[in-house]
Amino acid sequence: DNELNSVYFAYGTKEELMDNDVIQKKGGVLGVGAVKSLKND
């Protein structure tokens, strides 16, 4: 029951989240137009 009701949150600047392997940039050309998304791992 506790596990089913467990949730997780994280926040910070995009640089902080990228440095801590939470998000990544996907798509775009040379970094332009890239979309930020949650990393698979």
PDB file of all heavy atoms in Angstrom:
ATOM      1  N   ASP A   1       0.828  -1.202   0.000  1.00  0.00           N
ATOM      2  CA  ASP A   1       0.000   0.000   0.000  1.00  0.00           C
ATOM      3  C   ASP A   1       0.865   1.257   0.000  1.00  0.00           C
ATOM      4  O   ASP A   1       0.594   2.213  -0.729  1.00  0.00           O
ATOM      5  CB  ASP A   1      -0.913  -0.015   1.233  1.00  0.00           C
ATOM      6  CG  ASP A   1      -1.977   1.070   1.167  1.00  0.00           C
ATOM      7  OD1 ASP A   1      -2.608   1.206   0.105  1.00  0.00           O
ATOM      8  OD2 ASP A   1      -2.165   1.775   2.161  1.00  0.00           O
ATOM      9  N   ASN A   2       1.919   1.233   0.819  1.00  0.00           N
ATOM     10  CA  ASN A   2       2.830   2.380   0.865  1.00  0.00           C
ATOM     11  C   ASN A   2       3.529   2.584  -0.471  1.00  0.00           C
ATOM     12  O   ASN A   2       3.733   3.715  -0.912  1.00  0.00           O
ATOM     13  CB  ASN A   2       3.864   2.189   1.974  1.00  0.00           C
ATOM     14  CG  ASN A   2       3.261   2.333   3.359  1.00  0.00           C
ATOM     15  OD1 ASN A   2       2.190   2.919   3.523  1.00  0.00           O
ATOM     16  ND2 ASN A   2       3.931   1.791   4.356  1.00  0.00           N
ATOM     17  N   GLU A   3       3.906   1.453  -1.091  1.00  0.00           N
ATOM     18  CA  GLU A   3       4.596   1.560  -2.377  1.00  0.00           C
ATOM     19  C   GLU A   3       3.661   2.110  -3.451  1.00  0.00           C
ATOM     20  O   GLU A   3       4.062   2.932  -4.285  1.00  0.00           O
ATOM     21  CB  GLU A   3       5.132   0.188  -2.800  1.00  0.00           C
ATOM     22  CG  GLU A   3       6.074   0.237  -3.993  1.00  0.00           C
ATOM     23  CD  GLU A   3       7.283   1.128  -3.741  1.00  0.00           C
ATOM     24  OE1 GLU A   3       7.792   1.165  -2.602  1.00  0.00           O
ATOM     25  OE2 GLU A   3       7.707   1.818  -4.699  1.00  0.00           O
ATOM     26  N   LEU A   4       2.400   1.661  -3.436  1.00  0.00           N
ATOM     27  CA  LEU A   4       1.427   2.145  -4.413  1.00  0.00           C
ATOM     28  C   LEU A   4       1.148   3.637  -4.235  1.00  0.00           C
ATOM     29  O   LEU A   4       0.804   4.334  -5.198  1.00  0.00           O
ATOM     30  CB  LEU A   4       0.114   1.365  -4.294  1.00  0.00           C
ATOM     31  CG  LEU A   4       0.138  -0.080  -4.800  1.00  0.00           C
ATOM     32  CD1 LEU A   4      -1.162  -0.784  -4.445  1.00  0.00           C
ATOM     33  CD2 LEU A   4       0.354  -0.119  -6.313  1.00  0.00           C
ATOM     34  N   ASN A   5       1.303   4.130  -3.023  1.00  0.00           N
ATOM     35  CA  ASN A   5       1.041   5.541  -2.743  1.00  0.00           C
ATOM     36  C   ASN A   5       2.312   6.376  -2.662  1.00  0.00           C
ATOM     37  O   ASN A   5       2.271   7.525  -2.233  1.00  0.00           O
ATOM     38  CB  ASN A   5       0.255   5.676  -1.435  1.00  0.00           C
ATOM     39  CG  ASN A   5      -1.193   5.237  -1.567  1.00  0.00           C
ATOM     40  OD1 ASN A   5      -2.011   5.924  -2.163  1.00  0.00           O
ATOM     41  ND2 ASN A   5      -1.507   4.076  -1.034  1.00  0.00           N
ATOM     42  N   SER A   6       3.429   5.786  -3.074  1.00  0.00           N
ATOM     43  CA  SER A   6       4.691   6.523  -3.070  1.00  0.00           C
ATOM     44  C   SER A   6       4.858   7.283  -4.381  1.00  0.00           C
ATOM     45  O   SER A   6       4.635   6.733  -5.462  1.00  0.00           O
ATOM     46  CB  SER A   6       5.873   5.562  -2.889  1.00  0.00           C
ATOM     47  OG  SER A   6       5.846   4.977  -1.608  1.00  0.00           O
ATOM     48  N   VAL A   7       5.203   8.551  -4.268  1.00  0.00           N
ATOM     49  CA  VAL A   7       5.481   9.380  -5.445  1.00  0.00           C
ATOM     50  C   VAL A   7       6.836  10.063  -5.256  1.00  0.00           C
ATOM     51  O   VAL A   7       7.358  10.124  -4.139  1.00  0.00           O
ATOM     52  CB  VAL A   7       4.370  10.431  -5.672  1.00  0.00           C
ATOM     53  CG1 VAL A   7       3.070   9.758  -6.076  1.00  0.00           C
ATOM     54  CG2 VAL A   7       4.154  11.276  -4.420  1.00  0.00           C
ATOM     55  N   TYR A   8       7.400  10.552  -6.354  1.00  0.00           N
ATOM     56  CA  TYR A   8       8.760  11.081  -6.313  1.00  0.00           C
ATOM     57  C   TYR A   8       8.805  12.402  -7.087  1.00  0.00           C
ATOM     58  O   TYR A   8       8.182  12.526  -8.148  1.00  0.00           O
ATOM     59  CB  TYR A   8       9.718  10.082  -6.952  1.00  0.00           C
ATOM     60  CG  TYR A   8       9.593   8.676  -6.382  1.00  0.00           C
ATOM     61  CD1 TYR A   8       8.583   7.815  -6.840  1.00  0.00           C
ATOM     62  CD2 TYR A   8      10.451   8.222  -5.397  1.00  0.00           C
ATOM     63  CE1 TYR A   8       8.454   6.537  -6.311  1.00  0.00           C
ATOM     64  CE2 TYR A   8      10.324   6.940  -4.873  1.00  0.00           C
ATOM     65  CZ  TYR A   8       9.317   6.105  -5.338  1.00  0.00           C
ATOM     66  OH  TYR A   8       9.184   4.845  -4.822  1.00  0.00           O
ATOM     67  N   PHE A   9       9.523  13.363  -6.539  1.00  0.00           N
ATOM     68  CA  PHE A   9       9.637  14.628  -7.255  1.00  0.00           C
ATOM     69  C   PHE A   9      11.072  15.133  -7.212  1.00  0.00           C
ATOM     70  O   PHE A   9      11.848  14.830  -6.310  1.00  0.00           O
ATOM     71  CB  PHE A   9       8.672  15.688  -6.687  1.00  0.00           C
ATOM     72  CG  PHE A   9       9.027  16.190  -5.319  1.00  0.00           C
ATOM     73  CD1 PHE A   9       9.931  17.242  -5.155  1.00  0.00           C
ATOM     74  CD2 PHE A   9       8.452  15.639  -4.188  1.00  0.00           C
ATOM     75  CE1 PHE A   9      10.262  17.719  -3.893  1.00  0.00           C
ATOM     76  CE2 PHE A   9       8.779  16.102  -2.917  1.00  0.00           C
ATOM     77  CZ  PHE A   9       9.680  17.149  -2.776  1.00  0.00           C
ATOM     78  N   ALA A  10      11.397  15.906  -8.245  1.00  0.00           N
ATOM     79  CA  ALA A  10      12.717  16.549  -8.327  1.00  0.00           C
ATOM     80  C   ALA A  10      12.540  17.854  -9.089  1.00  0.00           C
ATOM     81  O   ALA A  10      11.710  17.954  -9.993  1.00  0.00           O
ATOM     82  CB  ALA A  10      13.709  15.639  -9.050  1.00  0.00           C
ATOM     83  N   TYR A  11      13.306  18.869  -8.692  1.00  0.00           N
ATOM     84  CA  TYR A  11      13.235  20.133  -9.419  1.00  0.00           C
ATOM     85  C   TYR A  11      14.601  20.802  -9.390  1.00  0.00           C
ATOM     86  O   TYR A  11      15.471  20.498  -8.563  1.00  0.00           O
ATOM     87  CB  TYR A  11      12.165  21.064  -8.840  1.00  0.00           C
ATOM     88  CG  TYR A  11      12.395  21.485  -7.413  1.00  0.00           C
ATOM     89  CD1 TYR A  11      13.174  22.609  -7.122  1.00  0.00           C
ATOM     90  CD2 TYR A  11      11.820  20.781  -6.361  1.00  0.00           C
ATOM     91  CE1 TYR A  11      13.387  23.004  -5.815  1.00  0.00           C
ATOM     92  CE2 TYR A  11      12.025  21.163  -5.053  1.00  0.00           C
ATOM     93  CZ  TYR A  11      12.817  22.283  -4.780  1.00  0.00           C
ATOM     94  OH  TYR A  11      13.028  22.665  -3.483  1.00  0.00           O
ATOM     95  N   GLY A  12      14.767  21.718 -10.314  1.00  0.00           N
ATOM     96  CA  GLY A  12      16.024  22.456 -10.440  1.00  0.00           C
ATOM     97  C   GLY A  12      16.111  23.060 -11.826  1.00  0.00           C
ATOM     98  O   GLY A  12      15.217  22.866 -12.669  1.00  0.00           O
ATOM     99  N   THR A  13      17.159  23.765 -12.082  1.00  0.00           N
ATOM    100  CA  THR A  13      17.356  24.312 -13.428  1.00  0.00           C
ATOM    101  C   THR A  13      17.658  23.153 -14.377  1.00  0.00           C
ATOM    102  O   THR A  13      18.022  22.053 -13.941  1.00  0.00           O
ATOM    103  CB  THR A  13      18.519  25.307 -13.444  1.00  0.00           C
ATOM    104  OG1 THR A  13      19.733  24.613 -13.122  1.00  0.00           O
ATOM    105  CG2 THR A  13      18.280  26.435 -12.447  1.00  0.00           C
ATOM    106  N   LYS A  14      17.526  23.413 -15.680  1.00  0.00           N
ATOM    107  CA  LYS A  14      17.774  22.336 -16.638  1.00  0.00           C
ATOM    108  C   LYS A  14      19.225  21.854 -16.547  1.00  0.00           C
ATOM    109  O   LYS A  14      19.503  20.658 -16.715  1.00  0.00           O
ATOM    110  CB  LYS A  14      17.434  22.788 -18.059  1.00  0.00           C
ATOM    111  CG  LYS A  14      18.286  23.924 -18.594  1.00  0.00           C
ATOM    112  CD  LYS A  14      17.838  24.292 -20.002  1.00  0.00           C
ATOM    113  CE  LYS A  14      18.690  25.461 -20.546  1.00  0.00           C
ATOM    114  NZ  LYS A  14      18.267  25.854 -21.916  1.00  0.00           N
ATOM    115  N   GLU A  15      20.139  22.792 -16.258  1.00  0.00           N
ATOM    116  CA  GLU A  15      21.544  22.391 -16.126  1.00  0.00           C
ATOM    117  C   GLU A  15      21.730  21.449 -14.924  1.00  0.00           C
ATOM    118  O   GLU A  15      22.432  20.447 -15.005  1.00  0.00           O
ATOM    119  CB  GLU A  15      22.440  23.624 -15.955  1.00  0.00           C
ATOM    120  CG  GLU A  15      22.594  24.488 -17.207  1.00  0.00           C
ATOM    121  CD  GLU A  15      21.390  25.401 -17.426  1.00  0.00           C
ATOM    122  OE1 GLU A  15      20.541  25.519 -16.496  1.00  0.00           O
ATOM    123  OE2 GLU A  15      21.275  25.974 -18.527  1.00  0.00           O
ATOM    124  N   GLU A  16      21.077  21.802 -13.799  1.00  0.00           N
ATOM    125  CA  GLU A  16      21.176  20.950 -12.609  1.00  0.00           C
ATOM    126  C   GLU A  16      20.595  19.567 -12.866  1.00  0.00           C
ATOM    127  O   GLU A  16      21.184  18.540 -12.488  1.00  0.00           O
ATOM    128  CB  GLU A  16      20.442  21.605 -11.433  1.00  0.00           C
ATOM    129  CG  GLU A  16      21.122  22.851 -10.888  1.00  0.00           C
ATOM    130  CD  GLU A  16      20.283  23.574  -9.851  1.00  0.00           C
ATOM    131  OE1 GLU A  16      19.043  23.382  -9.845  1.00  0.00           O
ATOM    132  OE2 GLU A  16      20.857  24.319  -9.049  1.00  0.00           O
ATOM    133  N   LEU A  17      19.464  19.534 -13.535  1.00  0.00           N
ATOM    134  CA  LEU A  17      18.809  18.257 -13.798  1.00  0.00           C
ATOM    135  C   LEU A  17      19.597  17.423 -14.804  1.00  0.00           C
ATOM    136  O   LEU A  17      19.668  16.189 -14.676  1.00  0.00           O
ATOM    137  CB  LEU A  17      17.379  18.491 -14.292  1.00  0.00           C
ATOM    138  CG  LEU A  17      16.430  19.141 -13.267  1.00  0.00           C
ATOM    139  CD1 LEU A  17      15.089  19.454 -13.905  1.00  0.00           C
ATOM    140  CD2 LEU A  17      16.233  18.229 -12.058  1.00  0.00           C
ATOM    141  N   MET A  18      20.217  18.084 -15.782  1.00  0.00           N
ATOM    142  CA  MET A  18      21.038  17.349 -16.745  1.00  0.00           C
ATOM    143  C   MET A  18      22.311  16.839 -16.084  1.00  0.00           C
ATOM    144  O   MET A  18      22.732  15.701 -16.316  1.00  0.00           O
ATOM    145  CB  MET A  18      21.370  18.247 -17.941  1.00  0.00           C
ATOM    146  CG  MET A  18      20.169  18.524 -18.846  1.00  0.00           C
ATOM    147  SD  MET A  18      20.546  19.641 -20.227  1.00  0.00           S
ATOM    148  CE  MET A  18      21.680  18.613 -21.184  1.00  0.00           C
ATOM    149  N   ASP A  19      22.926  17.670 -15.258  1.00  0.00           N
ATOM    150  CA  ASP A  19      24.155  17.255 -14.566  1.00  0.00           C
ATOM    151  C   ASP A  19      23.906  16.064 -13.636  1.00  0.00           C
ATOM    152  O   ASP A  19      24.816  15.268 -13.382  1.00  0.00           O
ATOM    153  CB  ASP A  19      24.733  18.420 -13.759  1.00  0.00           C
ATOM    154  CG  ASP A  19      25.306  19.512 -14.647  1.00  0.00           C
ATOM    155  OD1 ASP A  19      25.548  19.226 -15.848  1.00  0.00           O
ATOM    156  OD2 ASP A  19      25.480  20.643 -14.151  1.00  0.00           O
ATOM    157  N   ASN A  20      22.701  15.941 -13.140  1.00  0.00           N
ATOM    158  CA  ASN A  20      22.373  14.852 -12.216  1.00  0.00           C
ATOM    159  C   ASN A  20      21.636  13.702 -12.907  1.00  0.00           C
ATOM    160  O   ASN A  20      20.989  12.875 -12.256  1.00  0.00           O
ATOM    161  CB  ASN A  20      21.524  15.388 -11.063  1.00  0.00           C
ATOM    162  CG  ASN A  20      22.344  16.193 -10.079  1.00  0.00           C
ATOM    163  OD1 ASN A  20      23.043  15.632  -9.238  1.00  0.00           O
ATOM    164  ND2 ASN A  20      22.272  17.526 -10.192  1.00  0.00           N
ATOM    165  N   ASP A  21      21.755  13.660 -14.251  1.00  0.00           N
ATOM    166  CA  ASP A  21      21.219  12.539 -15.054  1.00  0.00           C
ATOM    167  C   ASP A  21      19.729  12.323 -14.865  1.00  0.00           C
ATOM    168  O   ASP A  21      19.246  11.186 -14.748  1.00  0.00           O
ATOM    169  CB  ASP A  21      21.963  11.247 -14.719  1.00  0.00           C
ATOM    170  CG  ASP A  21      23.417  11.304 -15.135  1.00  0.00           C
ATOM    171  OD1 ASP A  21      23.708  11.899 -16.194  1.00  0.00           O
ATOM    172  OD2 ASP A  21      24.263  10.752 -14.401  1.00  0.00           O
ATOM    173  N   VAL A  22      18.989  13.429 -14.819  1.00  0.00           N
ATOM    174  CA  VAL A  22      17.543  13.324 -14.719  1.00  0.00           C
ATOM    175  C   VAL A  22      16.897  13.564 -16.077  1.00  0.00           C
ATOM    176  O   VAL A  22      15.997  12.838 -16.497  1.00  0.00           O
ATOM    177  CB  VAL A  22      16.979  14.317 -13.674  1.00  0.00           C
ATOM    178  CG1 VAL A  22      15.444  14.267 -13.642  1.00  0.00           C
ATOM    179  CG2 VAL A  22      17.532  13.999 -12.287  1.00  0.00           C
ATOM    180  N   ILE A  23      17.361  14.609 -16.798  1.00  0.00           N
ATOM    181  CA  ILE A  23      16.789  14.926 -18.105  1.00  0.00           C
ATOM    182  C   ILE A  23      17.884  14.926 -19.156  1.00  0.00           C
ATOM    183  O   ILE A  23      19.083  14.894 -18.864  1.00  0.00           O
ATOM    184  CB  ILE A  23      16.065  16.297 -18.083  1.00  0.00           C
ATOM    185  CG1 ILE A  23      17.082  17.423 -17.831  1.00  0.00           C
ATOM    186  CG2 ILE A  23      14.954  16.309 -17.029  1.00  0.00           C
ATOM    187  CD1 ILE A  23      16.477  18.821 -17.968  1.00  0.00           C
ATOM    188  N   GLN A  24      17.441  14.973 -20.420  1.00  0.00           N
ATOM    189  CA  GLN A  24      18.362  15.036 -21.560  1.00  0.00           C
ATOM    190  C   GLN A  24      17.727  15.874 -22.655  1.00  0.00           C
ATOM    191  O   GLN A  24      16.528  16.147 -22.635  1.00  0.00           O
ATOM    192  CB  GLN A  24      18.628  13.617 -22.081  1.00  0.00           C
ATOM    193  CG  GLN A  24      17.362  12.933 -22.607  1.00  0.00           C
ATOM    194  CD  GLN A  24      17.590  11.513 -23.044  1.00  0.00           C
ATOM    195  OE1 GLN A  24      18.714  11.051 -23.105  1.00  0.00           O
ATOM    196  NE2 GLN A  24      16.512  10.806 -23.369  1.00  0.00           N
ATOM    197  N   LYS A  25      18.549  16.271 -23.623  1.00  0.00           N
ATOM    198  CA  LYS A  25      18.033  16.974 -24.797  1.00  0.00           C
ATOM    199  C   LYS A  25      17.917  15.992 -25.943  1.00  0.00           C
ATOM    200  O   LYS A  25      18.820  15.198 -26.188  1.00  0.00           O
ATOM    201  CB  LYS A  25      18.954  18.125 -25.176  1.00  0.00           C
ATOM    202  CG  LYS A  25      18.897  19.318 -24.238  1.00  0.00           C
ATOM    203  CD  LYS A  25      19.766  20.450 -24.752  1.00  0.00           C
ATOM    204  CE  LYS A  25      19.685  21.683 -23.847  1.00  0.00           C
ATOM    205  NZ  LYS A  25      20.519  22.795 -24.351  1.00  0.00           N
ATOM    206  N   LYS A  26      16.808  16.058 -26.647  1.00  0.00           N
ATOM    207  CA  LYS A  26      16.592  15.159 -27.780  1.00  0.00           C
ATOM    208  C   LYS A  26      16.201  15.971 -29.013  1.00  0.00           C
ATOM    209  O   LYS A  26      15.454  16.941 -28.925  1.00  0.00           O
ATOM    210  CB  LYS A  26      15.477  14.159 -27.461  1.00  0.00           C
ATOM    211  CG  LYS A  26      15.842  13.162 -26.368  1.00  0.00           C
ATOM    212  CD  LYS A  26      14.714  12.212 -26.076  1.00  0.00           C
ATOM    213  CE  LYS A  26      14.412  11.315 -27.267  1.00  0.00           C
ATOM    214  NZ  LYS A  26      13.371  10.319 -26.948  1.00  0.00           N
ATOM    215  N   GLY A  27      16.716  15.526 -30.160  1.00  0.00           N
ATOM    216  CA  GLY A  27      16.351  16.161 -31.423  1.00  0.00           C
ATOM    217  C   GLY A  27      17.079  17.470 -31.630  1.00  0.00           C
ATOM    218  O   GLY A  27      18.025  17.836 -30.918  1.00  0.00           O
ATOM    219  N   GLY A  28      16.649  18.246 -32.615  1.00  0.00           N
ATOM    220  CA  GLY A  28      17.262  19.533 -32.924  1.00  0.00           C
ATOM    221  C   GLY A  28      18.535  19.360 -33.745  1.00  0.00           C
ATOM    222  O   GLY A  28      19.022  18.248 -33.964  1.00  0.00           O
ATOM    223  N   VAL A  29      19.053  20.468 -34.190  1.00  0.00           N
ATOM    224  CA  VAL A  29      20.281  20.486 -34.984  1.00  0.00           C
ATOM    225  C   VAL A  29      21.310  21.334 -34.250  1.00  0.00           C
ATOM    226  O   VAL A  29      21.073  22.503 -33.964  1.00  0.00           O
ATOM    227  CB  VAL A  29      20.026  21.058 -36.394  1.00  0.00           C
ATOM    228  CG1 VAL A  29      21.335  21.101 -37.190  1.00  0.00           C
ATOM    229  CG2 VAL A  29      18.977  20.234 -37.124  1.00  0.00           C
ATOM    230  N   LEU A  30      22.442  20.702 -33.925  1.00  0.00           N
ATOM    231  CA  LEU A  30      23.513  21.388 -33.201  1.00  0.00           C
ATOM    232  C   LEU A  30      22.991  22.027 -31.907  1.00  0.00           C
ATOM    233  O   LEU A  30      23.371  23.130 -31.527  1.00  0.00           O
ATOM    234  CB  LEU A  30      24.173  22.448 -34.082  1.00  0.00           C
ATOM    235  CG  LEU A  30      24.852  21.934 -35.361  1.00  0.00           C
ATOM    236  CD1 LEU A  30      25.381  23.104 -36.188  1.00  0.00           C
ATOM    237  CD2 LEU A  30      25.974  20.956 -35.017  1.00  0.00           C
ATOM    238  N   GLY A  31      22.072  21.329 -31.295  1.00  0.00           N
ATOM    239  CA  GLY A  31      21.531  21.809 -30.019  1.00  0.00           C
ATOM    240  C   GLY A  31      20.388  22.767 -30.161  1.00  0.00           C
ATOM    241  O   GLY A  31      19.755  23.140 -29.175  1.00  0.00           O
ATOM    242  N   VAL A  32      20.115  23.218 -31.407  1.00  0.00           N
ATOM    243  CA  VAL A  32      19.019  24.175 -31.622  1.00  0.00           C
ATOM    244  C   VAL A  32      17.726  23.392 -31.852  1.00  0.00           C
ATOM    245  O   VAL A  32      17.671  22.489 -32.686  1.00  0.00           O
ATOM    246  CB  VAL A  32      19.298  25.089 -32.833  1.00  0.00           C
ATOM    247  CG1 VAL A  32      18.122  26.050 -33.049  1.00  0.00           C
ATOM    248  CG2 VAL A  32      20.596  25.846 -32.623  1.00  0.00           C
ATOM    249  N   GLY A  33      16.696  23.784 -31.138  1.00  0.00           N
ATOM    250  CA  GLY A  33      15.403  23.116 -31.282  1.00  0.00           C
ATOM    251  C   GLY A  33      15.306  21.800 -30.544  1.00  0.00           C
ATOM    252  O   GLY A  33      14.346  21.055 -30.718  1.00  0.00           O
ATOM    253  N   ALA A  34      16.305  21.504 -29.733  1.00  0.00           N
ATOM    254  CA  ALA A  34      16.277  20.255 -28.968  1.00  0.00           C
ATOM    255  C   ALA A  34      15.178  20.304 -27.911  1.00  0.00           C
ATOM    256  O   ALA A  34      14.889  21.364 -27.339  1.00  0.00           O
ATOM    257  CB  ALA A  34      17.623  20.012 -28.309  1.00  0.00           C
ATOM    258  N   VAL A  35      14.571  19.171 -27.645  1.00  0.00           N
ATOM    259  CA  VAL A  35      13.486  19.070 -26.675  1.00  0.00           C
ATOM    260  C   VAL A  35      14.011  18.394 -25.413  1.00  0.00           C
ATOM    261  O   VAL A  35      14.689  17.369 -25.485  1.00  0.00           O
ATOM    262  CB  VAL A  35      12.307  18.255 -27.246  1.00  0.00           C
ATOM    263  CG1 VAL A  35      11.211  18.093 -26.195  1.00  0.00           C
ATOM    264  CG2 VAL A  35      11.764  18.928 -28.497  1.00  0.00           C
ATOM    265  N   LYS A  36      13.700  18.967 -24.293  1.00  0.00           N
ATOM    266  CA  LYS A  36      14.119  18.379 -23.016  1.00  0.00           C
ATOM    267  C   LYS A  36      13.144  17.266 -22.638  1.00  0.00           C
ATOM    268  O   LYS A  36      11.923  17.436 -22.758  1.00  0.00           O
ATOM    269  CB  LYS A  36      14.147  19.451 -21.922  1.00  0.00           C
ATOM    270  CG  LYS A  36      15.171  20.546 -22.176  1.00  0.00           C
ATOM    271  CD  LYS A  36      15.167  21.576 -21.087  1.00  0.00           C
ATOM    272  CE  LYS A  36      13.907  22.447 -21.146  1.00  0.00           C
ATOM    273  NZ  LYS A  36      13.821  23.289 -22.348  1.00  0.00           N
ATOM    274  N   SER A  37      13.683  16.143 -22.219  1.00  0.00           N
ATOM    275  CA  SER A  37      12.841  15.006 -21.825  1.00  0.00           C
ATOM    276  C   SER A  37      13.507  14.223 -20.697  1.00  0.00           C
ATOM    277  O   SER A  37      14.708  14.365 -20.451  1.00  0.00           O
ATOM    278  CB  SER A  37      12.589  14.075 -23.019  1.00  0.00           C
ATOM    279  OG  SER A  37      13.800  13.469 -23.431  1.00  0.00           O
ATOM    280  N   LEU A  38      12.719  13.412 -20.050  1.00  0.00           N
ATOM    281  CA  LEU A  38      13.219  12.565 -18.967  1.00  0.00           C
ATOM    282  C   LEU A  38      14.069  11.450 -19.561  1.00  0.00           C
ATOM    283  O   LEU A  38      13.678  10.803 -20.532  1.00  0.00           O
ATOM    284  CB  LEU A  38      12.034  11.970 -18.197  1.00  0.00           C
ATOM    285  CG  LEU A  38      12.320  11.287 -16.866  1.00  0.00           C
ATOM    286  CD1 LEU A  38      12.818  12.289 -15.846  1.00  0.00           C
ATOM    287  CD2 LEU A  38      11.052  10.605 -16.354  1.00  0.00           C
ATOM    288  N   LYS A  39      15.240  11.218 -18.997  1.00  0.00           N
ATOM    289  CA  LYS A  39      16.108  10.151 -19.485  1.00  0.00           C
ATOM    290  C   LYS A  39      15.474   8.786 -19.210  1.00  0.00           C
ATOM    291  O   LYS A  39      14.758   8.607 -18.230  1.00  0.00           O
ATOM    292  CB  LYS A  39      17.478  10.213 -18.806  1.00  0.00           C
ATOM    293  CG  LYS A  39      18.310  11.433 -19.179  1.00  0.00           C
ATOM    294  CD  LYS A  39      19.719  11.357 -18.593  1.00  0.00           C
ATOM    295  CE  LYS A  39      20.526  10.269 -19.288  1.00  0.00           C
ATOM    296  NZ  LYS A  39      21.947  10.282 -18.854  1.00  0.00           N
ATOM    297  N   ASN A  40      15.752   7.852 -20.120  1.00  0.00           N
ATOM    298  CA  ASN A  40      15.206   6.504 -19.929  1.00  0.00           C
ATOM    299  C   ASN A  40      15.737   5.855 -18.647  1.00  0.00           C
ATOM    300  O   ASN A  40      15.015   5.163 -17.945  1.00  0.00           O
ATOM    301  CB  ASN A  40      15.535   5.627 -21.137  1.00  0.00           C
ATOM    302  CG  ASN A  40      14.783   6.083 -22.382  1.00  0.00           C
ATOM    303  OD1 ASN A  40      13.690   6.628 -22.279  1.00  0.00           O
ATOM    304  ND2 ASN A  40      15.370   5.876 -23.545  1.00  0.00           N
ATOM    305  N   ASP A  41      17.012   6.081 -18.389  1.00  0.00           N
ATOM    306  CA  ASP A  41      17.643   5.512 -17.191  1.00  0.00           C
ATOM    307  C   ASP A  41      17.963   6.629 -16.193  1.00  0.00           C
ATOM    308  O   ASP A  41      19.069   6.716 -15.672  1.00  0.00           O
ATOM    309  CB  ASP A  41      18.905   4.746 -17.563  1.00  0.00           C
ATOM    310  CG  ASP A  41      19.898   5.610 -18.344  1.00  0.00           C
ATOM    311  OD1 ASP A  41      19.485   6.693 -18.807  1.00  0.00           O
ATOM    312  OD2 ASP A  41      21.076   5.217 -18.458  1.00  0.00           O
TER     313      ASP A  41
END
